[in-house]
Amino acid sequence: MAQTLPAGLKELLDELEDYAPAVPDELTQHALRQSGYDCKDVRTVRLISVAAQRFLAQVLEEAHNVHKLRQMAPAAKLKEAGYDPKDKRELLTTEDLVKACEEYGVKVARAPYLTAKPQ
C-alpha cells in the first residue's frame, strides 16, 4: 500500500533539506533527545526548529506589545512602578517577557536566590 503525501508537503520536505533555521539542528536534536525522542531525519528536526522559531517570534512580539502598553501608562504610574517616564528606549525587560510567556501558557518563576524585586 503506497502512501501518498498531501499536495505541497513533498515540496516543503524537499526545501527543508537545504534550509538553515535560526534554531540550530543540534539544539533541536538535544531537546528531542531530552524528551526521549531520537530523530535521524534532518527534515523532521528542521521542521521542529521552524516551529520553535515561530513560537519564539510570537512570544517576543507579545513582549514588545506588553512593553508598548506599559509605555502608554500615565507618567505617575510608571514612576510608581520604578520606571523613568522620560526613558523611551525599547528594552526587553524580564517583566514584559514573563507576561508574554503567560499568554502562551509558559510559567516563569523567579530563581530561588532572587527573593525580592530589585529596588
PDB file of N, CA and C in Angstrom:
ATOM      1  N   MET A   1       0.842  -1.170   0.000  1.00  0.00           N
ATOM      2  CA  MET A   1       0.000   0.000   0.000  1.00  0.00           C
ATOM      3  C   MET A   1       0.890   1.236   0.000  1.00  0.00           C
ATOM      4  N   ALA A   2       0.871   1.986  -1.076  1.00  0.00           N
ATOM      5  CA  ALA A   2       1.701   3.178  -1.222  1.00  0.00           C
ATOM      6  C   ALA A   2       1.075   4.344  -0.461  1.00  0.00           C
ATOM      7  N   GLN A   3       1.943   5.085   0.211  1.00  0.00           N
ATOM      8  CA  GLN A   3       1.462   6.227   0.980  1.00  0.00           C
ATOM      9  C   GLN A   3       1.652   7.474   0.129  1.00  0.00           C
ATOM     10  N   THR A   4       0.583   8.237  -0.080  1.00  0.00           N
ATOM     11  CA  THR A   4       0.678   9.462  -0.868  1.00  0.00           C
ATOM     12  C   THR A   4       0.719  10.655   0.074  1.00  0.00           C
ATOM     13  N   LEU A   5       1.559  11.615  -0.263  1.00  0.00           N
ATOM     14  CA  LEU A   5       1.707  12.818   0.553  1.00  0.00           C
ATOM     15  C   LEU A   5       0.720  13.880   0.091  1.00  0.00           C
ATOM     16  N   PRO A   6       0.189  14.684   1.015  1.00  0.00           N
ATOM     17  CA  PRO A   6      -0.703  15.776   0.618  1.00  0.00           C
ATOM     18  C   PRO A   6       0.029  16.758  -0.292  1.00  0.00           C
ATOM     19  N   ALA A   7      -0.743  17.480  -1.099  1.00  0.00           N
ATOM     20  CA  ALA A   7      -0.166  18.450  -2.037  1.00  0.00           C
ATOM     21  C   ALA A   7       0.677  19.476  -1.282  1.00  0.00           C
ATOM     22  N   GLY A   8       1.860  19.737  -1.763  1.00  0.00           N
ATOM     23  CA  GLY A   8       2.744  20.730  -1.181  1.00  0.00           C
ATOM     24  C   GLY A   8       3.664  20.185  -0.106  1.00  0.00           C
ATOM     25  N   LEU A   9       3.325  19.061   0.492  1.00  0.00           N
ATOM     26  CA  LEU A   9       4.154  18.521   1.567  1.00  0.00           C
ATOM     27  C   LEU A   9       5.497  18.038   1.042  1.00  0.00           C
ATOM     28  N   LYS A  10       5.506  17.409  -0.125  1.00  0.00           N
ATOM     29  CA  LYS A  10       6.767  16.940  -0.710  1.00  0.00           C
ATOM     30  C   LYS A  10       7.707  18.111  -0.978  1.00  0.00           C
ATOM     31  N   GLU A  11       7.143  19.210  -1.509  1.00  0.00           N
ATOM     32  CA  GLU A  11       7.971  20.396  -1.777  1.00  0.00           C
ATOM     33  C   GLU A  11       8.518  20.988  -0.484  1.00  0.00           C
ATOM     34  N   LEU A  12       7.679  21.026   0.554  1.00  0.00           N
ATOM     35  CA  LEU A  12       8.124  21.546   1.846  1.00  0.00           C
ATOM     36  C   LEU A  12       9.261  20.690   2.400  1.00  0.00           C
ATOM     37  N   LEU A  13       9.088  19.389   2.369  1.00  0.00           N
ATOM     38  CA  LEU A  13      10.131  18.498   2.876  1.00  0.00           C
ATOM     39  C   LEU A  13      11.423  18.619   2.076  1.00  0.00           C
ATOM     40  N   ASP A  14      11.301  18.800   0.764  1.00  0.00           N
ATOM     41  CA  ASP A  14      12.495  18.979  -0.067  1.00  0.00           C
ATOM     42  C   ASP A  14      13.211  20.282   0.284  1.00  0.00           C
ATOM     43  N   GLU A  15      12.456  21.342   0.527  1.00  0.00           N
ATOM     44  CA  GLU A  15      13.069  22.620   0.860  1.00  0.00           C
ATOM     45  C   GLU A  15      13.721  22.600   2.242  1.00  0.00           C
ATOM     46  N   LEU A  16      13.195  21.795   3.147  1.00  0.00           N
ATOM     47  CA  LEU A  16      13.771  21.723   4.490  1.00  0.00           C
ATOM     48  C   LEU A  16      15.163  21.113   4.487  1.00  0.00           C
ATOM     49  N   GLU A  17      15.487  20.324   3.473  1.00  0.00           N
ATOM     50  CA  GLU A  17      16.825  19.722   3.401  1.00  0.00           C
ATOM     51  C   GLU A  17      17.902  20.776   3.224  1.00  0.00           C
ATOM     52  N   ASP A  18      17.586  21.889   2.546  1.00  0.00           N
ATOM     53  CA  ASP A  18      18.572  22.930   2.279  1.00  0.00           C
ATOM     54  C   ASP A  18      18.407  24.154   3.180  1.00  0.00           C
ATOM     55  N   TYR A  19      17.367  24.167   3.998  1.00  0.00           N
ATOM     56  CA  TYR A  19      17.059  25.336   4.825  1.00  0.00           C
ATOM     57  C   TYR A  19      17.861  25.287   6.128  1.00  0.00           C
ATOM     58  N   ALA A  20      18.361  26.439   6.560  1.00  0.00           N
ATOM     59  CA  ALA A  20      19.084  26.537   7.834  1.00  0.00           C
ATOM     60  C   ALA A  20      18.268  27.420   8.779  1.00  0.00           C
ATOM     61  N   PRO A  21      17.469  26.828   9.671  1.00  0.00           N
ATOM     62  CA  PRO A  21      16.636  27.630  10.576  1.00  0.00           C
ATOM     63  C   PRO A  21      17.474  28.372  11.619  1.00  0.00           C
ATOM     64  N   ALA A  22      16.871  29.351  12.261  1.00  0.00           N
ATOM     65  CA  ALA A  22      17.566  30.133  13.286  1.00  0.00           C
ATOM     66  C   ALA A  22      17.917  29.274  14.495  1.00  0.00           C
ATOM     67  N   VAL A  23      17.074  28.296  14.799  1.00  0.00           N
ATOM     68  CA  VAL A  23      17.363  27.365  15.896  1.00  0.00           C
ATOM     69  C   VAL A  23      18.206  26.233  15.300  1.00  0.00           C
ATOM     70  N   PRO A  24      19.461  26.081  15.736  1.00  0.00           N
ATOM     71  CA  PRO A  24      20.344  25.073  15.144  1.00  0.00           C
ATOM     72  C   PRO A  24      19.817  23.646  15.312  1.00  0.00           C
ATOM     73  N   ASP A  25      20.145  22.803  14.336  1.00  0.00           N
ATOM     74  CA  ASP A  25      19.727  21.403  14.366  1.00  0.00           C
ATOM     75  C   ASP A  25      20.206  20.707  15.642  1.00  0.00           C
ATOM     76  N   GLU A  26      21.425  21.012  16.073  1.00  0.00           N
ATOM     77  CA  GLU A  26      21.991  20.359  17.250  1.00  0.00           C
ATOM     78  C   GLU A  26      21.173  20.668  18.503  1.00  0.00           C
ATOM     79  N   LEU A  27      20.721  21.907  18.625  1.00  0.00           N
ATOM     80  CA  LEU A  27      19.911  22.293  19.778  1.00  0.00           C
ATOM     81  C   LEU A  27      18.564  21.577  19.756  1.00  0.00           C
ATOM     82  N   THR A  28      17.962  21.507  18.591  1.00  0.00           N
ATOM     83  CA  THR A  28      16.681  20.813  18.460  1.00  0.00           C
ATOM     84  C   THR A  28      16.840  19.333  18.752  1.00  0.00           C
ATOM     85  N   GLN A  29      17.894  18.716  18.200  1.00  0.00           N
ATOM     86  CA  GLN A  29      18.131  17.295  18.459  1.00  0.00           C
ATOM     87  C   GLN A  29      18.367  17.040  19.946  1.00  0.00           C
ATOM     88  N   HIS A  30      19.093  17.935  20.609  1.00  0.00           N
ATOM     89  CA  HIS A  30      19.331  17.787  22.048  1.00  0.00           C
ATOM     90  C   HIS A  30      18.002  17.838  22.811  1.00  0.00           C
ATOM     91  N   ALA A  31      17.152  18.809  22.477  1.00  0.00           N
ATOM     92  CA  ALA A  31      15.854  18.927  23.151  1.00  0.00           C
ATOM     93  C   ALA A  31      14.998  17.689  22.891  1.00  0.00           C
ATOM     94  N   LEU A  32      15.049  17.175  21.672  1.00  0.00           N
ATOM     95  CA  LEU A  32      14.287  15.966  21.354  1.00  0.00           C
ATOM     96  C   LEU A  32      14.802  14.768  22.148  1.00  0.00           C
ATOM     97  N   ARG A  33      16.133  14.634  22.234  1.00  0.00           N
ATOM     98  CA  ARG A  33      16.703  13.521  22.998  1.00  0.00           C
ATOM     99  C   ARG A  33      16.360  13.630  24.479  1.00  0.00           C
ATOM    100  N   GLN A  34      16.343  14.852  25.002  1.00  0.00           N
ATOM    101  CA  GLN A  34      15.991  15.058  26.411  1.00  0.00           C
ATOM    102  C   GLN A  34      14.552  14.626  26.684  1.00  0.00           C
ATOM    103  N   SER A  35      13.706  14.744  25.660  1.00  0.00           N
ATOM    104  CA  SER A  35      12.307  14.344  25.846  1.00  0.00           C
ATOM    105  C   SER A  35      12.077  12.883  25.472  1.00  0.00           C
ATOM    106  N   GLY A  36      13.145  12.182  25.078  1.00  0.00           N
ATOM    107  CA  GLY A  36      13.031  10.751  24.816  1.00  0.00           C
ATOM    108  C   GLY A  36      12.827  10.380  23.364  1.00  0.00           C
ATOM    109  N   TYR A  37      13.072  11.294  22.432  1.00  0.00           N
ATOM    110  CA  TYR A  37      12.873  11.004  21.012  1.00  0.00           C
ATOM    111  C   TYR A  37      14.174  11.257  20.272  1.00  0.00           C
ATOM    112  N   ASP A  38      14.725  10.237  19.666  1.00  0.00           N
ATOM    113  CA  ASP A  38      15.960  10.371  18.895  1.00  0.00           C
ATOM    114  C   ASP A  38      15.587  10.351  17.420  1.00  0.00           C
ATOM    115  N   CYS A  39      15.700  11.485  16.781  1.00  0.00           N
ATOM    116  CA  CYS A  39      15.266  11.627  15.388  1.00  0.00           C
ATOM    117  C   CYS A  39      16.483  11.684  14.462  1.00  0.00           C
ATOM    118  N   LYS A  40      16.488  10.823  13.460  1.00  0.00           N
ATOM    119  CA  LYS A  40      17.587  10.785  12.490  1.00  0.00           C
ATOM    120  C   LYS A  40      17.269  11.590  11.226  1.00  0.00           C
ATOM    121  N   ASP A  41      15.993  11.890  10.990  1.00  0.00           N
ATOM    122  CA  ASP A  41      15.582  12.598   9.778  1.00  0.00           C
ATOM    123  C   ASP A  41      15.800  14.099   9.961  1.00  0.00           C
ATOM    124  N   VAL A  42      16.728  14.663   9.194  1.00  0.00           N
ATOM    125  CA  VAL A  42      17.065  16.081   9.317  1.00  0.00           C
ATOM    126  C   VAL A  42      15.871  16.969   8.963  1.00  0.00           C
ATOM    127  N   ARG A  43      15.002  16.513   8.079  1.00  0.00           N
ATOM    128  CA  ARG A  43      13.834  17.319   7.697  1.00  0.00           C
ATOM    129  C   ARG A  43      12.872  17.469   8.868  1.00  0.00           C
ATOM    130  N   THR A  44      12.687  16.409   9.631  1.00  0.00           N
ATOM    131  CA  THR A  44      11.807  16.476  10.794  1.00  0.00           C
ATOM    132  C   THR A  44      12.397  17.408  11.841  1.00  0.00           C
ATOM    133  N   VAL A  45      13.697  17.298  12.068  1.00  0.00           N
ATOM    134  CA  VAL A  45      14.373  18.154  13.036  1.00  0.00           C
ATOM    135  C   VAL A  45      14.222  19.617  12.622  1.00  0.00           C
ATOM    136  N   ARG A  46      14.405  19.899  11.358  1.00  0.00           N
ATOM    137  CA  ARG A  46      14.296  21.283  10.879  1.00  0.00           C
ATOM    138  C   ARG A  46      12.863  21.793  10.927  1.00  0.00           C
ATOM    139  N   LEU A  47      11.903  20.925  10.701  1.00  0.00           N
ATOM    140  CA  LEU A  47      10.509  21.327  10.807  1.00  0.00           C
ATOM    141  C   LEU A  47      10.192  21.715  12.254  1.00  0.00           C
ATOM    142  N   ILE A  48      10.711  20.954  13.199  1.00  0.00           N
ATOM    143  CA  ILE A  48      10.527  21.283  14.617  1.00  0.00           C
ATOM    144  C   ILE A  48      11.266  22.575  14.950  1.00  0.00           C
ATOM    145  N   SER A  49      12.436  22.784  14.358  1.00  0.00           N
ATOM    146  CA  SER A  49      13.181  24.029  14.567  1.00  0.00           C
ATOM    147  C   SER A  49      12.405  25.230  14.057  1.00  0.00           C
ATOM    148  N   VAL A  50      11.762  25.082  12.912  1.00  0.00           N
ATOM    149  CA  VAL A  50      10.956  26.170  12.351  1.00  0.00           C
ATOM    150  C   VAL A  50       9.766  26.463  13.266  1.00  0.00           C
ATOM    151  N   ALA A  51       9.149  25.427  13.813  1.00  0.00           N
ATOM    152  CA  ALA A  51       8.032  25.619  14.741  1.00  0.00           C
ATOM    153  C   ALA A  51       8.502  26.337  16.010  1.00  0.00           C
ATOM    154  N   ALA A  52       9.672  25.965  16.504  1.00  0.00           N
ATOM    155  CA  ALA A  52      10.230  26.620  17.692  1.00  0.00           C
ATOM    156  C   ALA A  52      10.556  28.079  17.389  1.00  0.00           C
ATOM    157  N   GLN A  53      11.097  28.332  16.209  1.00  0.00           N
ATOM    158  CA  GLN A  53      11.422  29.693  15.792  1.00  0.00           C
ATOM    159  C   GLN A  53      10.151  30.543  15.734  1.00  0.00           C
ATOM    160  N   ARG A  54       9.090  29.974  15.207  1.00  0.00           N
ATOM    161  CA  ARG A  54       7.811  30.690  15.115  1.00  0.00           C
ATOM    162  C   ARG A  54       7.268  30.987  16.510  1.00  0.00           C
ATOM    163  N   PHE A  55       7.363  30.018  17.419  1.00  0.00           N
ATOM    164  CA  PHE A  55       6.902  30.220  18.789  1.00  0.00           C
ATOM    165  C   PHE A  55       7.684  31.343  19.465  1.00  0.00           C
ATOM    166  N   LEU A  56       9.001  31.327  19.321  1.00  0.00           N
ATOM    167  CA  LEU A  56       9.832  32.372  19.917  1.00  0.00           C
ATOM    168  C   LEU A  56       9.484  33.743  19.345  1.00  0.00           C
ATOM    169  N   ALA A  57       9.249  33.807  18.036  1.00  0.00           N
ATOM    170  CA  ALA A  57       8.885  35.073  17.407  1.00  0.00           C
ATOM    171  C   ALA A  57       7.561  35.593  17.956  1.00  0.00           C
ATOM    172  N   GLN A  58       6.599  34.703  18.176  1.00  0.00           N
ATOM    173  CA  GLN A  58       5.308  35.114  18.722  1.00  0.00           C
ATOM    174  C   GLN A  58       5.453  35.624  20.156  1.00  0.00           C
ATOM    175  N   VAL A  59       6.245  34.940  20.969  1.00  0.00           N
ATOM    176  CA  VAL A  59       6.446  35.368  22.352  1.00  0.00           C
ATOM    177  C   VAL A  59       7.144  36.731  22.382  1.00  0.00           C
ATOM    178  N   LEU A  60       8.151  36.922  21.542  1.00  0.00           N
ATOM    179  CA  LEU A  60       8.856  38.204  21.517  1.00  0.00           C
ATOM    180  C   LEU A  60       7.959  39.330  21.001  1.00  0.00           C
ATOM    181  N   GLU A  61       7.113  39.024  20.042  1.00  0.00           N
ATOM    182  CA  GLU A  61       6.176  40.036  19.552  1.00  0.00           C
ATOM    183  C   GLU A  61       5.193  40.430  20.657  1.00  0.00           C
ATOM    184  N   GLU A  62       4.719  39.458  21.410  1.00  0.00           N
ATOM    185  CA  GLU A  62       3.812  39.735  22.527  1.00  0.00           C
ATOM    186  C   GLU A  62       4.529  40.545  23.604  1.00  0.00           C
ATOM    187  N   ALA A  63       5.795  40.242  23.878  1.00  0.00           N
ATOM    188  CA  ALA A  63       6.570  41.002  24.863  1.00  0.00           C
ATOM    189  C   ALA A  63       6.727  42.445  24.401  1.00  0.00           C
ATOM    190  N   HIS A  64       6.919  42.648  23.111  1.00  0.00           N
ATOM    191  CA  HIS A  64       7.021  44.011  22.577  1.00  0.00           C
ATOM    192  C   HIS A  64       5.699  44.749  22.736  1.00  0.00           C
ATOM    193  N   ASN A  65       4.584  44.057  22.513  1.00  0.00           N
ATOM    194  CA  ASN A  65       3.273  44.677  22.702  1.00  0.00           C
ATOM    195  C   ASN A  65       3.036  45.039  24.166  1.00  0.00           C
ATOM    196  N   VAL A  66       3.464  44.172  25.078  1.00  0.00           N
ATOM    197  CA  VAL A  66       3.337  44.452  26.510  1.00  0.00           C
ATOM    198  C   VAL A  66       4.159  45.692  26.852  1.00  0.00           C
ATOM    199  N   HIS A  67       5.356  45.785  26.290  1.00  0.00           N
ATOM    200  CA  HIS A  67       6.221  46.945  26.525  1.00  0.00           C
ATOM    201  C   HIS A  67       5.547  48.222  26.033  1.00  0.00           C
ATOM    202  N   LYS A  68       4.966  48.178  24.834  1.00  0.00           N
ATOM    203  CA  LYS A  68       4.304  49.370  24.292  1.00  0.00           C
ATOM    204  C   LYS A  68       3.124  49.789  25.162  1.00  0.00           C
ATOM    205  N   LEU A  69       2.359  48.814  25.655  1.00  0.00           N
ATOM    206  CA  LEU A  69       1.238  49.144  26.540  1.00  0.00           C
ATOM    207  C   LEU A  69       1.726  49.781  27.833  1.00  0.00           C
ATOM    208  N   ARG A  70       2.825  49.264  28.361  1.00  0.00           N
ATOM    209  CA  ARG A  70       3.382  49.830  29.599  1.00  0.00           C
ATOM    210  C   ARG A  70       3.856  51.253  29.364  1.00  0.00           C
ATOM    211  N   GLN A  71       4.454  51.514  28.208  1.00  0.00           N
ATOM    212  CA  GLN A  71       4.953  52.848  27.891  1.00  0.00           C
ATOM    213  C   GLN A  71       3.821  53.867  27.770  1.00  0.00           C
ATOM    214  N   MET A  72       2.614  53.403  27.432  1.00  0.00           N
ATOM    215  CA  MET A  72       1.486  54.313  27.282  1.00  0.00           C
ATOM    216  C   MET A  72       0.810  54.621  28.622  1.00  0.00           C
ATOM    217  N   ALA A  73       1.262  54.006  29.692  1.00  0.00           N
ATOM    218  CA  ALA A  73       0.685  54.255  31.011  1.00  0.00           C
ATOM    219  C   ALA A  73       1.006  55.687  31.441  1.00  0.00           C
ATOM    220  N   PRO A  74       0.181  56.249  32.313  1.00  0.00           N
ATOM    221  CA  PRO A  74       0.463  57.605  32.814  1.00  0.00           C
ATOM    222  C   PRO A  74       1.829  57.674  33.501  1.00  0.00           C
ATOM    223  N   ALA A  75       2.454  58.844  33.417  1.00  0.00           N
ATOM    224  CA  ALA A  75       3.803  59.029  33.959  1.00  0.00           C
ATOM    225  C   ALA A  75       3.855  58.712  35.455  1.00  0.00           C
ATOM    226  N   ALA A  76       2.819  59.087  36.194  1.00  0.00           N
ATOM    227  CA  ALA A  76       2.815  58.834  37.640  1.00  0.00           C
ATOM    228  C   ALA A  76       2.826  57.333  37.927  1.00  0.00           C
ATOM    229  N   LYS A  77       2.070  56.578  37.134  1.00  0.00           N
ATOM    230  CA  LYS A  77       2.015  55.135  37.344  1.00  0.00           C
ATOM    231  C   LYS A  77       3.359  54.475  36.983  1.00  0.00           C
ATOM    232  N   LEU A  78       3.998  54.970  35.922  1.00  0.00           N
ATOM    233  CA  LEU A  78       5.317  54.446  35.537  1.00  0.00           C
ATOM    234  C   LEU A  78       6.338  54.721  36.635  1.00  0.00           C
ATOM    235  N   LYS A  79       6.307  55.933  37.163  1.00  0.00           N
ATOM    236  CA  LYS A  79       7.249  56.311  38.208  1.00  0.00           C
ATOM    237  C   LYS A  79       7.025  55.458  39.457  1.00  0.00           C
ATOM    238  N   GLU A  80       5.752  55.212  39.779  1.00  0.00           N
ATOM    239  CA  GLU A  80       5.406  54.382  40.937  1.00  0.00           C
ATOM    240  C   GLU A  80       5.909  52.944  40.766  1.00  0.00           C
ATOM    241  N   ALA A  81       5.912  52.470  39.524  1.00  0.00           N
ATOM    242  CA  ALA A  81       6.366  51.103  39.247  1.00  0.00           C
ATOM    243  C   ALA A  81       7.887  51.014  39.145  1.00  0.00           C
ATOM    244  N   GLY A  82       8.576  52.154  39.239  1.00  0.00           N
ATOM    245  CA  GLY A  82      10.031  52.142  39.217  1.00  0.00           C
ATOM    246  C   GLY A  82      10.646  52.406  37.855  1.00  0.00           C
ATOM    247  N   TYR A  83       9.852  52.883  36.905  1.00  0.00           N
ATOM    248  CA  TYR A  83      10.351  53.197  35.565  1.00  0.00           C
ATOM    249  C   TYR A  83      10.494  54.697  35.414  1.00  0.00           C
ATOM    250  N   ASP A  84      11.438  55.102  34.587  1.00  0.00           N
ATOM    251  CA  ASP A  84      11.611  56.523  34.279  1.00  0.00           C
ATOM    252  C   ASP A  84      10.676  56.874  33.125  1.00  0.00           C
ATOM    253  N   PRO A  85       9.683  57.734  33.340  1.00  0.00           N
ATOM    254  CA  PRO A  85       8.725  58.060  32.281  1.00  0.00           C
ATOM    255  C   PRO A  85       9.365  58.738  31.072  1.00  0.00           C
ATOM    256  N   LYS A  86      10.542  59.339  31.256  1.00  0.00           N
ATOM    257  CA  LYS A  86      11.219  60.024  30.146  1.00  0.00           C
ATOM    258  C   LYS A  86      12.026  59.062  29.278  1.00  0.00           C
ATOM    259  N   ASP A  87      12.278  57.874  29.793  1.00  0.00           N
ATOM    260  CA  ASP A  87      13.068  56.882  29.066  1.00  0.00           C
ATOM    261  C   ASP A  87      12.203  56.216  27.999  1.00  0.00           C
ATOM    262  N   LYS A  88      12.483  56.485  26.743  1.00  0.00           N
ATOM    263  CA  LYS A  88      11.677  55.959  25.631  1.00  0.00           C
ATOM    264  C   LYS A  88      12.388  54.839  24.876  1.00  0.00           C
ATOM    265  N   ARG A  89      13.459  54.279  25.467  1.00  0.00           N
ATOM    266  CA  ARG A  89      14.183  53.194  24.805  1.00  0.00           C
ATOM    267  C   ARG A  89      13.324  51.942  24.727  1.00  0.00           C
ATOM    268  N   GLU A  90      13.530  51.177  23.676  1.00  0.00           N
ATOM    269  CA  GLU A  90      12.846  49.899  23.507  1.00  0.00           C
ATOM    270  C   GLU A  90      13.713  48.828  24.160  1.00  0.00           C
ATOM    271  N   LEU A  91      13.363  48.436  25.387  1.00  0.00           N
ATOM    272  CA  LEU A  91      14.127  47.435  26.118  1.00  0.00           C
ATOM    273  C   LEU A  91      13.236  46.242  26.441  1.00  0.00           C
ATOM    274  N   LEU A  92      13.765  45.066  26.279  1.00  0.00           N
ATOM    275  CA  LEU A  92      13.052  43.857  26.671  1.00  0.00           C
ATOM    276  C   LEU A  92      13.350  43.614  28.140  1.00  0.00           C
ATOM    277  N   THR A  93      12.330  43.794  28.974  1.00  0.00           N
ATOM    278  CA  THR A  93      12.513  43.564  30.403  1.00  0.00           C
ATOM    279  C   THR A  93      11.998  42.173  30.759  1.00  0.00           C
ATOM    280  N   THR A  94      12.474  41.679  31.872  1.00  0.00           N
ATOM    281  CA  THR A  94      12.042  40.367  32.335  1.00  0.00           C
ATOM    282  C   THR A  94      10.542  40.369  32.596  1.00  0.00           C
ATOM    283  N   GLU A  95      10.033  41.461  33.147  1.00  0.00           N
ATOM    284  CA  GLU A  95       8.603  41.553  33.452  1.00  0.00           C
ATOM    285  C   GLU A  95       7.766  41.452  32.177  1.00  0.00           C
ATOM    286  N   ASP A  96       8.206  42.134  31.115  1.00  0.00           N
ATOM    287  CA  ASP A  96       7.485  42.069  29.839  1.00  0.00           C
ATOM    288  C   ASP A  96       7.507  40.650  29.283  1.00  0.00           C
ATOM    289  N   LEU A  97       8.656  40.009  29.371  1.00  0.00           N
ATOM    290  CA  LEU A  97       8.801  38.650  28.854  1.00  0.00           C
ATOM    291  C   LEU A  97       7.961  37.650  29.656  1.00  0.00           C
ATOM    292  N   VAL A  98       7.911  37.835  30.975  1.00  0.00           N
ATOM    293  CA  VAL A  98       7.107  36.943  31.818  1.00  0.00           C
ATOM    294  C   VAL A  98       5.628  37.065  31.454  1.00  0.00           C
ATOM    295  N   LYS A  99       5.152  38.294  31.270  1.00  0.00           N
ATOM    296  CA  LYS A  99       3.748  38.493  30.898  1.00  0.00           C
ATOM    297  C   LYS A  99       3.448  37.891  29.536  1.00  0.00           C
ATOM    298  N   ALA A 100       4.377  38.013  28.601  1.00  0.00           N
ATOM    299  CA  ALA A 100       4.185  37.433  27.276  1.00  0.00           C
ATOM    300  C   ALA A 100       4.167  35.911  27.345  1.00  0.00           C
ATOM    301  N   CYS A 101       5.043  35.335  28.143  1.00  0.00           N
ATOM    302  CA  CYS A 101       5.081  33.876  28.286  1.00  0.00           C
ATOM    303  C   CYS A 101       3.790  33.354  28.899  1.00  0.00           C
ATOM    304  N   GLU A 102       3.232  34.095  29.854  1.00  0.00           N
ATOM    305  CA  GLU A 102       1.973  33.684  30.476  1.00  0.00           C
ATOM    306  C   GLU A 102       0.846  33.614  29.457  1.00  0.00           C
ATOM    307  N   GLU A 103       0.881  34.487  28.446  1.00  0.00           N
ATOM    308  CA  GLU A 103      -0.142  34.474  27.399  1.00  0.00           C
ATOM    309  C   GLU A 103      -0.127  33.157  26.624  1.00  0.00           C
ATOM    310  N   TYR A 104       1.032  32.511  26.572  1.00  0.00           N
ATOM    311  CA  TYR A 104       1.182  31.255  25.838  1.00  0.00           C
ATOM    312  C   TYR A 104       1.241  30.043  26.759  1.00  0.00           C
ATOM    313  N   GLY A 105       0.912  30.232  28.026  1.00  0.00           N
ATOM    314  CA  GLY A 105       0.838  29.110  28.953  1.00  0.00           C
ATOM    315  C   GLY A 105       2.168  28.660  29.516  1.00  0.00           C
ATOM    316  N   VAL A 106       3.198  29.477  29.384  1.00  0.00           N
ATOM    317  CA  VAL A 106       4.517  29.132  29.916  1.00  0.00           C
ATOM    318  C   VAL A 106       4.671  29.835  31.262  1.00  0.00           C
ATOM    319  N   LYS A 107       4.871  29.059  32.301  1.00  0.00           N
ATOM    320  CA  LYS A 107       5.035  29.617  33.643  1.00  0.00           C
ATOM    321  C   LYS A 107       6.501  29.922  33.876  1.00  0.00           C
ATOM    322  N   VAL A 108       6.788  31.152  34.281  1.00  0.00           N
ATOM    323  CA  VAL A 108       8.156  31.569  34.558  1.00  0.00           C
ATOM    324  C   VAL A 108       8.217  31.953  36.029  1.00  0.00           C
ATOM    325  N   ALA A 109       9.127  31.330  36.763  1.00  0.00           N
ATOM    326  CA  ALA A 109       9.278  31.620  38.189  1.00  0.00           C
ATOM    327  C   ALA A 109      10.649  32.242  38.433  1.00  0.00           C
ATOM    328  N   ARG A 110      10.707  33.060  39.455  1.00  0.00           N
ATOM    329  CA  ARG A 110      11.995  33.648  39.834  1.00  0.00           C
ATOM    330  C   ARG A 110      12.905  32.549  40.367  1.00  0.00           C
ATOM    331  N   ALA A 111      14.166  32.706  40.136  1.00  0.00           N
ATOM    332  CA  ALA A 111      15.150  31.766  40.686  1.00  0.00           C
ATOM    333  C   ALA A 111      15.076  31.832  42.212  1.00  0.00           C
ATOM    334  N   PRO A 112      15.333  30.717  42.899  1.00  0.00           N
ATOM    335  CA  PRO A 112      15.206  30.697  44.357  1.00  0.00           C
ATOM    336  C   PRO A 112      16.118  31.709  45.065  1.00  0.00           C
ATOM    337  N   TYR A 113      17.222  32.093  44.449  1.00  0.00           N
ATOM    338  CA  TYR A 113      18.123  33.031  45.095  1.00  0.00           C
ATOM    339  C   TYR A 113      17.697  34.481  44.867  1.00  0.00           C
ATOM    340  N   LEU A 114      16.672  34.723  44.043  1.00  0.00           N
ATOM    341  CA  LEU A 114      16.115  36.053  43.867  1.00  0.00           C
ATOM    342  C   LEU A 114      14.799  36.096  44.641  1.00  0.00           C
ATOM    343  N   THR A 115      14.857  36.554  45.868  1.00  0.00           N
ATOM    344  CA  THR A 115      13.668  36.500  46.715  1.00  0.00           C
ATOM    345  C   THR A 115      12.787  37.717  46.586  1.00  0.00           C
ATOM    346  N   ALA A 116      13.339  38.837  46.223  1.00  0.00           N
ATOM    347  CA  ALA A 116      12.539  40.064  46.129  1.00  0.00           C
ATOM    348  C   ALA A 116      12.908  40.810  44.854  1.00  0.00           C
ATOM    349  N   LYS A 117      12.018  41.683  44.426  1.00  0.00           N
ATOM    350  CA  LYS A 117      12.312  42.521  43.264  1.00  0.00           C
ATOM    351  C   LYS A 117      13.424  43.493  43.611  1.00  0.00           C
ATOM    352  N   PRO A 118      14.336  43.760  42.675  1.00  0.00           N
ATOM    353  CA  PRO A 118      15.397  44.724  42.944  1.00  0.00           C
ATOM    354  C   PRO A 118      14.815  46.132  43.092  1.00  0.00           C
ATOM    355  N   GLN A 119      15.402  46.907  43.952  1.00  0.00           N
ATOM    356  CA  GLN A 119      14.913  48.277  44.194  1.00  0.00           C
ATOM    357  C   GLN A 119      15.666  49.286  43.385  1.00  0.00           C
TER     358      GLN A 119
END
